[in-house]
Amino acid sequence: MTKADLVAQVAKKANLTSKASKDAVNGVFDTIADALRNREKVVVTGFGTFLVRHRASRKGRNPQTGAEIQIPASDTPGFSAGKRLKKTVKR
């Protein structure tokens, strides 16, 4: 499913216009991104939790030369599925 498909489904289920649905979907995504930028955790009960995970610096190898390199520490977005979402996906 693409973002356009998601917007269309939200418009259909919520009985919204396509533009209103697009604004709503973009608003949700922007709000989640802003919260993660501020290092906040976003909990959507039953769906899941969006959070920022920290990756420590580590040693790696250049695949072309085999030389050892230092991979710097970084922050990355993460998602943990909620109980209800897991149950929905599980058959």
PDB file of N, CA and C in Angstrom:
ATOM      1  N   MET A   1       0.846  -1.175   0.000  1.00  0.00           N
ATOM      2  CA  MET A   1       0.000   0.000   0.000  1.00  0.00           C
ATOM      3  C   MET A   1       0.891   1.238   0.000  1.00  0.00           C
ATOM      4  N   THR A   2       0.599   2.151  -0.893  1.00  0.00           N
ATOM      5  CA  THR A   2       1.338   3.402  -0.974  1.00  0.00           C
ATOM      6  C   THR A   2       0.644   4.471  -0.126  1.00  0.00           C
ATOM      7  N   LYS A   3       1.293   5.604  -0.012  1.00  0.00           N
ATOM      8  CA  LYS A   3       0.707   6.707   0.750  1.00  0.00           C
ATOM      9  C   LYS A   3      -0.595   7.161   0.083  1.00  0.00           C
ATOM     10  N   ALA A   4      -0.630   7.193  -1.242  1.00  0.00           N
ATOM     11  CA  ALA A   4      -1.838   7.582  -1.966  1.00  0.00           C
ATOM     12  C   ALA A   4      -2.979   6.601  -1.676  1.00  0.00           C
ATOM     13  N   ASP A   5      -2.643   5.312  -1.605  1.00  0.00           N
ATOM     14  CA  ASP A   5      -3.656   4.306  -1.265  1.00  0.00           C
ATOM     15  C   ASP A   5      -4.176   4.525   0.152  1.00  0.00           C
ATOM     16  N   LEU A   6      -3.268   4.847   1.061  1.00  0.00           N
ATOM     17  CA  LEU A   6      -3.652   5.106   2.447  1.00  0.00           C
ATOM     18  C   LEU A   6      -4.591   6.307   2.527  1.00  0.00           C
ATOM     19  N   VAL A   7      -4.256   7.369   1.811  1.00  0.00           N
ATOM     20  CA  VAL A   7      -5.096   8.568   1.795  1.00  0.00           C
ATOM     21  C   VAL A   7      -6.483   8.225   1.256  1.00  0.00           C
ATOM     22  N   ALA A   8      -6.532   7.432   0.194  1.00  0.00           N
ATOM     23  CA  ALA A   8      -7.818   7.046  -0.391  1.00  0.00           C
ATOM     24  C   ALA A   8      -8.645   6.215   0.583  1.00  0.00           C
ATOM     25  N   GLN A   9      -8.012   5.288   1.301  1.00  0.00           N
ATOM     26  CA  GLN A   9      -8.728   4.453   2.264  1.00  0.00           C
ATOM     27  C   GLN A   9      -9.246   5.274   3.438  1.00  0.00           C
ATOM     28  N   VAL A  10      -8.430   6.218   3.912  1.00  0.00           N
ATOM     29  CA  VAL A  10      -8.862   7.081   5.019  1.00  0.00           C
ATOM     30  C   VAL A  10     -10.052   7.936   4.572  1.00  0.00           C
ATOM     31  N   ALA A  11      -9.987   8.458   3.360  1.00  0.00           N
ATOM     32  CA  ALA A  11     -11.090   9.268   2.832  1.00  0.00           C
ATOM     33  C   ALA A  11     -12.370   8.448   2.779  1.00  0.00           C
ATOM     34  N   LYS A  12     -12.260   7.212   2.335  1.00  0.00           N
ATOM     35  CA  LYS A  12     -13.429   6.347   2.211  1.00  0.00           C
ATOM     36  C   LYS A  12     -14.010   5.980   3.579  1.00  0.00           C
ATOM     37  N   LYS A  13     -13.143   5.551   4.516  1.00  0.00           N
ATOM     38  CA  LYS A  13     -13.611   5.098   5.828  1.00  0.00           C
ATOM     39  C   LYS A  13     -14.114   6.242   6.709  1.00  0.00           C
ATOM     40  N   ALA A  14     -13.505   7.426   6.573  1.00  0.00           N
ATOM     41  CA  ALA A  14     -13.893   8.554   7.422  1.00  0.00           C
ATOM     42  C   ALA A  14     -14.875   9.490   6.723  1.00  0.00           C
ATOM     43  N   ASN A  15     -15.258   9.140   5.497  1.00  0.00           N
ATOM     44  CA  ASN A  15     -16.195   9.952   4.719  1.00  0.00           C
ATOM     45  C   ASN A  15     -15.682  11.384   4.581  1.00  0.00           C
ATOM     46  N   LEU A  16     -14.412  11.506   4.159  1.00  0.00           N
ATOM     47  CA  LEU A  16     -13.775  12.801   3.963  1.00  0.00           C
ATOM     48  C   LEU A  16     -13.497  13.016   2.485  1.00  0.00           C
ATOM     49  N   THR A  17     -13.245  14.271   2.135  1.00  0.00           N
ATOM     50  CA  THR A  17     -12.788  14.536   0.779  1.00  0.00           C
ATOM     51  C   THR A  17     -11.349  14.057   0.665  1.00  0.00           C
ATOM     52  N   SER A  18     -10.898  13.904  -0.555  1.00  0.00           N
ATOM     53  CA  SER A  18      -9.535  13.439  -0.777  1.00  0.00           C
ATOM     54  C   SER A  18      -8.520  14.425  -0.187  1.00  0.00           C
ATOM     55  N   LYS A  19      -8.782  15.729  -0.364  1.00  0.00           N
ATOM     56  CA  LYS A  19      -7.864  16.742   0.169  1.00  0.00           C
ATOM     57  C   LYS A  19      -7.843  16.729   1.694  1.00  0.00           C
ATOM     58  N   ALA A  20      -9.005  16.616   2.314  1.00  0.00           N
ATOM     59  CA  ALA A  20      -9.070  16.589   3.779  1.00  0.00           C
ATOM     60  C   ALA A  20      -8.362  15.348   4.312  1.00  0.00           C
ATOM     61  N   SER A  21      -8.532  14.240   3.628  1.00  0.00           N
ATOM     62  CA  SER A  21      -7.871  13.006   4.032  1.00  0.00           C
ATOM     63  C   SER A  21      -6.356  13.130   3.893  1.00  0.00           C
ATOM     64  N   LYS A  22      -5.904  13.720   2.799  1.00  0.00           N
ATOM     65  CA  LYS A  22      -4.461  13.909   2.586  1.00  0.00           C
ATOM     66  C   LYS A  22      -3.875  14.807   3.672  1.00  0.00           C
ATOM     67  N   ASP A  23      -4.585  15.879   4.005  1.00  0.00           N
ATOM     68  CA  ASP A  23      -4.136  16.785   5.071  1.00  0.00           C
ATOM     69  C   ASP A  23      -4.075  16.058   6.420  1.00  0.00           C
ATOM     70  N   ALA A  24      -5.061  15.208   6.686  1.00  0.00           N
ATOM     71  CA  ALA A  24      -5.089  14.468   7.953  1.00  0.00           C
ATOM     72  C   ALA A  24      -3.924  13.483   8.037  1.00  0.00           C
ATOM     73  N   VAL A  25      -3.704  12.735   6.981  1.00  0.00           N
ATOM     74  CA  VAL A  25      -2.615  11.750   6.971  1.00  0.00           C
ATOM     75  C   VAL A  25      -1.270  12.456   7.104  1.00  0.00           C
ATOM     76  N   ASN A  26      -1.069  13.526   6.331  1.00  0.00           N
ATOM     77  CA  ASN A  26       0.186  14.279   6.427  1.00  0.00           C
ATOM     78  C   ASN A  26       0.352  14.897   7.812  1.00  0.00           C
ATOM     79  N   GLY A  27      -0.738  15.350   8.416  1.00  0.00           N
ATOM     80  CA  GLY A  27      -0.678  15.916   9.762  1.00  0.00           C
ATOM     81  C   GLY A  27      -0.234  14.891  10.790  1.00  0.00           C
ATOM     82  N   VAL A  28      -0.747  13.672  10.677  1.00  0.00           N
ATOM     83  CA  VAL A  28      -0.342  12.606  11.607  1.00  0.00           C
ATOM     84  C   VAL A  28       1.142  12.290  11.433  1.00  0.00           C
ATOM     85  N   PHE A  29       1.576  12.127  10.183  1.00  0.00           N
ATOM     86  CA  PHE A  29       2.987  11.806   9.932  1.00  0.00           C
ATOM     87  C   PHE A  29       3.908  12.929  10.401  1.00  0.00           C
ATOM     88  N   ASP A  30       3.531  14.180  10.135  1.00  0.00           N
ATOM     89  CA  ASP A  30       4.352  15.320  10.559  1.00  0.00           C
ATOM     90  C   ASP A  30       4.438  15.411  12.084  1.00  0.00           C
ATOM     91  N   THR A  31       3.326  15.147  12.758  1.00  0.00           N
ATOM     92  CA  THR A  31       3.301  15.198  14.219  1.00  0.00           C
ATOM     93  C   THR A  31       4.209  14.122  14.821  1.00  0.00           C
ATOM     94  N   ILE A  32       4.152  12.927  14.265  1.00  0.00           N
ATOM     95  CA  ILE A  32       5.024  11.843  14.742  1.00  0.00           C
ATOM     96  C   ILE A  32       6.485  12.201  14.498  1.00  0.00           C
ATOM     97  N   ALA A  33       6.790  12.722  13.309  1.00  0.00           N
ATOM     98  CA  ALA A  33       8.174  13.098  12.986  1.00  0.00           C
ATOM     99  C   ALA A  33       8.679  14.201  13.915  1.00  0.00           C
ATOM    100  N   ASP A  34       7.836  15.193  14.198  1.00  0.00           N
ATOM    101  CA  ASP A  34       8.235  16.280  15.098  1.00  0.00           C
ATOM    102  C   ASP A  34       8.512  15.762  16.508  1.00  0.00           C
ATOM    103  N   ALA A  35       7.666  14.858  16.979  1.00  0.00           N
ATOM    104  CA  ALA A  35       7.869  14.289  18.313  1.00  0.00           C
ATOM    105  C   ALA A  35       9.176  13.503  18.366  1.00  0.00           C
ATOM    106  N   LEU A  36       9.455  12.721  17.341  1.00  0.00           N
ATOM    107  CA  LEU A  36      10.703  11.948  17.321  1.00  0.00           C
ATOM    108  C   LEU A  36      11.914  12.868  17.219  1.00  0.00           C
ATOM    109  N   ARG A  37      11.778  13.959  16.483  1.00  0.00           N
ATOM    110  CA  ARG A  37      12.871  14.929  16.379  1.00  0.00           C
ATOM    111  C   ARG A  37      13.199  15.505  17.758  1.00  0.00           C
ATOM    112  N   ASN A  38      12.169  15.642  18.609  1.00  0.00           N
ATOM    113  CA  ASN A  38      12.351  16.150  19.969  1.00  0.00           C
ATOM    114  C   ASN A  38      12.644  15.042  20.975  1.00  0.00           C
ATOM    115  N   ARG A  39      12.930  13.852  20.460  1.00  0.00           N
ATOM    116  CA  ARG A  39      13.278  12.674  21.284  1.00  0.00           C
ATOM    117  C   ARG A  39      12.117  12.226  22.172  1.00  0.00           C
ATOM    118  N   GLU A  40      10.896  12.462  21.735  1.00  0.00           N
ATOM    119  CA  GLU A  40       9.722  12.022  22.472  1.00  0.00           C
ATOM    120  C   GLU A  40       9.253  10.680  21.929  1.00  0.00           C
ATOM    121  N   LYS A  41       8.631   9.908  22.777  1.00  0.00           N
ATOM    122  CA  LYS A  41       8.048   8.631  22.380  1.00  0.00           C
ATOM    123  C   LYS A  41       6.589   8.876  22.048  1.00  0.00           C
ATOM    124  N   VAL A  42       6.103   8.280  20.953  1.00  0.00           N
ATOM    125  CA  VAL A  42       4.706   8.418  20.545  1.00  0.00           C
ATOM    126  C   VAL A  42       4.030   7.066  20.729  1.00  0.00           C
ATOM    127  N   VAL A  43       3.056   7.005  21.630  1.00  0.00           N
ATOM    128  CA  VAL A  43       2.353   5.758  21.925  1.00  0.00           C
ATOM    129  C   VAL A  43       0.939   5.846  21.372  1.00  0.00           C
ATOM    130  N   VAL A  44       0.606   4.936  20.462  1.00  0.00           N
ATOM    131  CA  VAL A  44      -0.753   4.819  19.938  1.00  0.00           C
ATOM    132  C   VAL A  44      -1.280   3.496  20.492  1.00  0.00           C
ATOM    133  N   THR A  45      -2.067   3.571  21.537  1.00  0.00           N
ATOM    134  CA  THR A  45      -2.521   2.390  22.253  1.00  0.00           C
ATOM    135  C   THR A  45      -3.200   1.405  21.302  1.00  0.00           C
ATOM    136  N   GLY A  46      -2.768   0.160  21.379  1.00  0.00           N
ATOM    137  CA  GLY A  46      -3.320  -0.889  20.538  1.00  0.00           C
ATOM    138  C   GLY A  46      -2.630  -1.001  19.196  1.00  0.00           C
ATOM    139  N   PHE A  47      -1.979   0.066  18.738  1.00  0.00           N
ATOM    140  CA  PHE A  47      -1.301   0.036  17.439  1.00  0.00           C
ATOM    141  C   PHE A  47       0.192  -0.167  17.604  1.00  0.00           C
ATOM    142  N   GLY A  48       0.836   0.721  18.375  1.00  0.00           N
ATOM    143  CA  GLY A  48       2.268   0.572  18.577  1.00  0.00           C
ATOM    144  C   GLY A  48       2.902   1.821  19.136  1.00  0.00           C
ATOM    145  N   THR A  49       4.219   1.769  19.249  1.00  0.00           N
ATOM    146  CA  THR A  49       4.997   2.857  19.817  1.00  0.00           C
ATOM    147  C   THR A  49       6.113   3.245  18.858  1.00  0.00           C
ATOM    148  N   PHE A  50       6.184   4.534  18.547  1.00  0.00           N
ATOM    149  CA  PHE A  50       7.273   5.078  17.744  1.00  0.00           C
ATOM    150  C   PHE A  50       8.282   5.673  18.718  1.00  0.00           C
ATOM    151  N   LEU A  51       9.565   5.396  18.517  1.00  0.00           N
ATOM    152  CA  LEU A  51      10.585   5.916  19.418  1.00  0.00           C
ATOM    153  C   LEU A  51      11.896   6.098  18.679  1.00  0.00           C
ATOM    154  N   VAL A  52      12.825   6.790  19.328  1.00  0.00           N
ATOM    155  CA  VAL A  52      14.157   6.998  18.769  1.00  0.00           C
ATOM    156  C   VAL A  52      15.093   6.015  19.438  1.00  0.00           C
ATOM    157  N   ARG A  53      15.784   5.226  18.631  1.00  0.00           N
ATOM    158  CA  ARG A  53      16.759   4.266  19.149  1.00  0.00           C
ATOM    159  C   ARG A  53      18.158   4.790  18.874  1.00  0.00           C
ATOM    160  N   HIS A  54      19.035   4.600  19.848  1.00  0.00           N
ATOM    161  CA  HIS A  54      20.421   5.031  19.704  1.00  0.00           C
ATOM    162  C   HIS A  54      21.284   3.830  19.324  1.00  0.00           C
ATOM    163  N   ARG A  55      22.079   4.000  18.298  1.00  0.00           N
ATOM    164  CA  ARG A  55      23.043   2.971  17.899  1.00  0.00           C
ATOM    165  C   ARG A  55      24.430   3.445  18.301  1.00  0.00           C
ATOM    166  N   ALA A  56      25.118   2.647  19.080  1.00  0.00           N
ATOM    167  CA  ALA A  56      26.460   2.995  19.527  1.00  0.00           C
ATOM    168  C   ALA A  56      27.434   2.891  18.353  1.00  0.00           C
ATOM    169  N   SER A  57      28.562   3.573  18.484  1.00  0.00           N
ATOM    170  CA  SER A  57      29.579   3.444  17.441  1.00  0.00           C
ATOM    171  C   SER A  57      30.139   2.021  17.480  1.00  0.00           C
ATOM    172  N   ARG A  58      30.561   1.544  16.325  1.00  0.00           N
ATOM    173  CA  ARG A  58      31.045   0.174  16.251  1.00  0.00           C
ATOM    174  C   ARG A  58      32.048   0.040  15.118  1.00  0.00           C
ATOM    175  N   LYS A  59      32.768  -1.062  15.140  1.00  0.00           N
ATOM    176  CA  LYS A  59      33.739  -1.333  14.078  1.00  0.00           C
ATOM    177  C   LYS A  59      33.061  -2.102  12.961  1.00  0.00           C
ATOM    178  N   GLY A  60      33.450  -1.779  11.756  1.00  0.00           N
ATOM    179  CA  GLY A  60      32.924  -2.470  10.592  1.00  0.00           C
ATOM    180  C   GLY A  60      34.041  -2.699   9.598  1.00  0.00           C
ATOM    181  N   ARG A  61      33.711  -3.250   8.450  1.00  0.00           N
ATOM    182  CA  ARG A  61      34.705  -3.500   7.417  1.00  0.00           C
ATOM    183  C   ARG A  61      34.235  -2.920   6.095  1.00  0.00           C
ATOM    184  N   ASN A  62      35.167  -2.333   5.364  1.00  0.00           N
ATOM    185  CA  ASN A  62      34.897  -1.872   4.015  1.00  0.00           C
ATOM    186  C   ASN A  62      34.819  -3.122   3.139  1.00  0.00           C
ATOM    187  N   PRO A  63      33.684  -3.394   2.500  1.00  0.00           N
ATOM    188  CA  PRO A  63      33.545  -4.633   1.741  1.00  0.00           C
ATOM    189  C   PRO A  63      34.460  -4.716   0.517  1.00  0.00           C
ATOM    190  N   GLN A  64      34.897  -3.581  -0.005  1.00  0.00           N
ATOM    191  CA  GLN A  64      35.771  -3.610  -1.183  1.00  0.00           C
ATOM    192  C   GLN A  64      37.221  -3.885  -0.822  1.00  0.00           C
ATOM    193  N   THR A  65      37.690  -3.258   0.271  1.00  0.00           N
ATOM    194  CA  THR A  65      39.100  -3.398   0.621  1.00  0.00           C
ATOM    195  C   THR A  65      39.333  -4.317   1.809  1.00  0.00           C
ATOM    196  N   GLY A  66      38.305  -4.544   2.598  1.00  0.00           N
ATOM    197  CA  GLY A  66      38.466  -5.361   3.793  1.00  0.00           C
ATOM    198  C   GLY A  66      39.049  -4.581   4.962  1.00  0.00           C
ATOM    199  N   ALA A  67      39.322  -3.288   4.741  1.00  0.00           N
ATOM    200  CA  ALA A  67      39.911  -2.469   5.798  1.00  0.00           C
ATOM    201  C   ALA A  67      38.881  -2.222   6.896  1.00  0.00           C
ATOM    202  N   GLU A  68      39.363  -2.203   8.134  1.00  0.00           N
ATOM    203  CA  GLU A  68      38.483  -1.950   9.270  1.00  0.00           C
ATOM    204  C   GLU A  68      38.176  -0.461   9.336  1.00  0.00           C
ATOM    205  N   ILE A  69      36.899  -0.118   9.573  1.00  0.00           N
ATOM    206  CA  ILE A  69      36.487   1.277   9.688  1.00  0.00           C
ATOM    207  C   ILE A  69      35.664   1.444  10.962  1.00  0.00           C
ATOM    208  N   GLN A  70      35.579   2.675  11.411  1.00  0.00           N
ATOM    209  CA  GLN A  70      34.770   2.991  12.582  1.00  0.00           C
ATOM    210  C   GLN A  70      33.444   3.564  12.100  1.00  0.00           C
ATOM    211  N   ILE A  71      32.348   2.921  12.455  1.00  0.00           N
ATOM    212  CA  ILE A  71      31.019   3.404  12.102  1.00  0.00           C
ATOM    213  C   ILE A  71      30.547   4.288  13.252  1.00  0.00           C
ATOM    214  N   PRO A  72      30.224   5.554  12.978  1.00  0.00           N
ATOM    215  CA  PRO A  72      29.865   6.467  14.063  1.00  0.00           C
ATOM    216  C   PRO A  72      28.512   6.138  14.695  1.00  0.00           C
ATOM    217  N   ALA A  73      28.319   6.618  15.912  1.00  0.00           N
ATOM    218  CA  ALA A  73      27.041   6.456  16.615  1.00  0.00           C
ATOM    219  C   ALA A  73      25.969   7.235  15.863  1.00  0.00           C
ATOM    220  N   SER A  74      24.733   6.759  15.955  1.00  0.00           N
ATOM    221  CA  SER A  74      23.641   7.452  15.284  1.00  0.00           C
ATOM    222  C   SER A  74      22.321   7.169  15.995  1.00  0.00           C
ATOM    223  N   ASP A  75      21.357   8.024  15.741  1.00  0.00           N
ATOM    224  CA  ASP A  75      20.004   7.818  16.235  1.00  0.00           C
ATOM    225  C   ASP A  75      19.141   7.417  15.051  1.00  0.00           C
ATOM    226  N   THR A  76      18.223   6.502  15.271  1.00  0.00           N
ATOM    227  CA  THR A  76      17.368   6.012  14.203  1.00  0.00           C
ATOM    228  C   THR A  76      15.943   5.838  14.722  1.00  0.00           C
ATOM    229  N   PRO A  77      14.945   6.063  13.869  1.00  0.00           N
ATOM    230  CA  PRO A  77      13.574   5.857  14.324  1.00  0.00           C
ATOM    231  C   PRO A  77      13.276   4.374  14.482  1.00  0.00           C
ATOM    232  N   GLY A  78      12.432   4.059  15.453  1.00  0.00           N
ATOM    233  CA  GLY A  78      12.061   2.669  15.684  1.00  0.00           C
ATOM    234  C   GLY A  78      10.565   2.555  15.921  1.00  0.00           C
ATOM    235  N   PHE A  79      10.060   1.348  15.788  1.00  0.00           N
ATOM    236  CA  PHE A  79       8.640   1.087  15.997  1.00  0.00           C
ATOM    237  C   PHE A  79       8.485  -0.255  16.673  1.00  0.00           C
ATOM    238  N   SER A  80       7.672  -0.293  17.701  1.00  0.00           N
ATOM    239  CA  SER A  80       7.312  -1.542  18.362  1.00  0.00           C
ATOM    240  C   SER A  80       5.812  -1.727  18.205  1.00  0.00           C
ATOM    241  N   ALA A  81       5.405  -2.838  17.634  1.00  0.00           N
ATOM    242  CA  ALA A  81       3.985  -3.102  17.407  1.00  0.00           C
ATOM    243  C   ALA A  81       3.274  -3.357  18.724  1.00  0.00           C
ATOM    244  N   GLY A  82       2.045  -2.872  18.824  1.00  0.00           N
ATOM    245  CA  GLY A  82       1.222  -3.080  20.006  1.00  0.00           C
ATOM    246  C   GLY A  82       0.562  -4.450  19.978  1.00  0.00           C
ATOM    247  N   LYS A  83      -0.001  -4.824  21.100  1.00  0.00           N
ATOM    248  CA  LYS A  83      -0.608  -6.143  21.259  1.00  0.00           C
ATOM    249  C   LYS A  83      -1.731  -6.389  20.245  1.00  0.00           C
ATOM    250  N   ARG A  84      -2.599  -5.396  20.074  1.00  0.00           N
ATOM    251  CA  ARG A  84      -3.734  -5.578  19.161  1.00  0.00           C
ATOM    252  C   ARG A  84      -3.266  -5.698  17.704  1.00  0.00           C
ATOM    253  N   LEU A  85      -2.250  -4.912  17.310  1.00  0.00           N
ATOM    254  CA  LEU A  85      -1.717  -5.004  15.950  1.00  0.00           C
ATOM    255  C   LEU A  85      -1.070  -6.365  15.711  1.00  0.00           C
ATOM    256  N   LYS A  86      -0.328  -6.847  16.694  1.00  0.00           N
ATOM    257  CA  LYS A  86       0.292  -8.172  16.571  1.00  0.00           C
ATOM    258  C   LYS A  86      -0.764  -9.254  16.417  1.00  0.00           C
ATOM    259  N   LYS A  87      -1.831  -9.137  17.212  1.00  0.00           N
ATOM    260  CA  LYS A  87      -2.903 -10.124  17.151  1.00  0.00           C
ATOM    261  C   LYS A  87      -3.612 -10.076  15.794  1.00  0.00           C
ATOM    262  N   THR A  88      -3.796  -8.875  15.243  1.00  0.00           N
ATOM    263  CA  THR A  88      -4.441  -8.721  13.947  1.00  0.00           C
ATOM    264  C   THR A  88      -3.621  -9.352  12.830  1.00  0.00           C
ATOM    265  N   VAL A  89      -2.318  -9.204  12.889  1.00  0.00           N
ATOM    266  CA  VAL A  89      -1.441  -9.724  11.835  1.00  0.00           C
ATOM    267  C   VAL A  89      -1.278 -11.236  11.956  1.00  0.00           C
ATOM    268  N   LYS A  90      -1.223 -11.716  13.176  1.00  0.00           N
ATOM    269  CA  LYS A  90      -1.044 -13.148  13.404  1.00  0.00           C
ATOM    270  C   LYS A  90      -2.293 -13.913  12.969  1.00  0.00           C
ATOM    271  N   ARG A  91      -2.114 -15.025  12.315  1.00  0.00           N
ATOM    272  CA  ARG A  91      -3.266 -15.811  11.834  1.00  0.00           C
ATOM    273  C   ARG A  91      -3.509 -16.997  12.694  1.00  0.00           C
TER     274      ARG A  91
END
